[in-house]
Amino acid sequence: MLLELALWLGQDIRTFNVFGYITLRTVMAALTALLISFIFGPGVIRWLAAKKIGQAVRDDGPKSHLTK
């Protein structure tokens, strides 16, 4: 829907034609996903730690893995 709006506006305002390029839309989608993960990630990690949801460390693994 936003793409259709940008293409429609691109008929009159040439700056909006840049949204027709798939590479720009791909980069913008990746940056949006990164921004969302930076905003919500720490809260999700705190929530998971509060619920004691985690991964068990195997005893038969390397000793350096036990000190996490």
Protein backbone atom coordinates (compact mmCIF):
# COMPACT_ATOMS: atom_id res chain seq x y z
CA MET A 1 0.00 0.00 0.00
CA LEU A 2 2.84 2.40 0.81
CA LEU A 3 4.55 1.40 -2.43
CA GLU A 4 1.44 2.25 -4.41
CA LEU A 5 1.26 5.63 -2.66
CA ALA A 6 4.93 6.34 -3.37
CA LEU A 7 4.57 5.38 -7.03
CA TRP A 8 1.44 7.51 -7.35
CA LEU A 9 3.24 10.47 -5.77
CA GLY A 10 6.20 9.77 -8.06
CA GLN A 11 4.12 10.83 -11.03
CA ASP A 12 4.17 14.42 -9.75
CA ILE A 13 7.14 14.52 -7.37
CA ARG A 14 10.21 12.91 -8.91
CA THR A 15 11.83 12.25 -5.54
CA PHE A 16 9.31 9.49 -4.80
CA ASN A 17 10.45 7.53 -7.86
CA VAL A 18 13.33 6.20 -5.78
CA PHE A 19 10.87 3.88 -3.98
CA GLY A 20 10.42 1.98 -7.23
CA TYR A 21 13.90 0.44 -6.84
CA ILE A 22 13.92 -2.97 -5.19
CA THR A 23 17.38 -2.38 -3.71
CA LEU A 24 16.23 0.67 -1.76
CA ARG A 25 13.18 -1.18 -0.47
CA THR A 26 15.38 -4.10 0.59
CA VAL A 27 17.79 -1.84 2.48
CA MET A 28 14.92 0.02 4.12
CA ALA A 29 13.31 -3.28 5.21
CA ALA A 30 16.60 -4.49 6.69
CA LEU A 31 17.13 -1.21 8.55
CA THR A 32 13.57 -1.30 9.86
CA ALA A 33 14.05 -4.86 11.15
CA LEU A 34 17.35 -3.85 12.79
CA LEU A 35 15.73 -0.84 14.44
CA ILE A 36 12.84 -2.94 15.76
CA SER A 37 15.25 -5.52 17.19
CA PHE A 38 17.33 -2.79 18.87
CA ILE A 39 14.23 -1.26 20.43
CA PHE A 40 12.44 -4.42 21.59
CA GLY A 41 15.39 -6.81 21.98
CA PRO A 42 16.61 -5.78 25.46
CA GLY A 43 13.08 -5.92 26.86
CA VAL A 44 12.51 -9.38 25.42
CA ILE A 45 15.83 -10.59 26.87
CA ARG A 46 14.91 -9.23 30.32
CA TRP A 47 11.47 -10.84 30.09
CA LEU A 48 12.95 -14.20 29.10
CA ALA A 49 15.47 -14.00 31.95
CA ALA A 50 12.69 -13.16 34.42
CA LYS A 51 10.71 -16.19 33.24
CA LYS A 52 13.88 -18.30 33.59
CA ILE A 53 13.69 -19.34 29.96
CA GLY A 54 17.16 -20.27 28.81
CA GLN A 55 19.36 -22.94 27.34
CA ALA A 56 21.03 -25.60 29.48
CA VAL A 57 24.79 -25.99 29.20
CA ARG A 58 25.90 -29.60 28.77
CA ASP A 59 28.30 -31.01 31.34
CA ASP A 60 30.30 -32.94 28.75
CA GLY A 61 31.22 -29.82 26.77
CA PRO A 62 34.42 -27.79 27.04
CA LYS A 63 35.15 -26.27 30.46
CA SER A 64 35.23 -22.77 28.99
CA HIS A 65 31.53 -23.10 28.09
CA LEU A 66 30.55 -23.62 31.71
CA THR A 67 31.52 -20.06 32.67
CA LYS A 68 28.83 -18.13 30.83
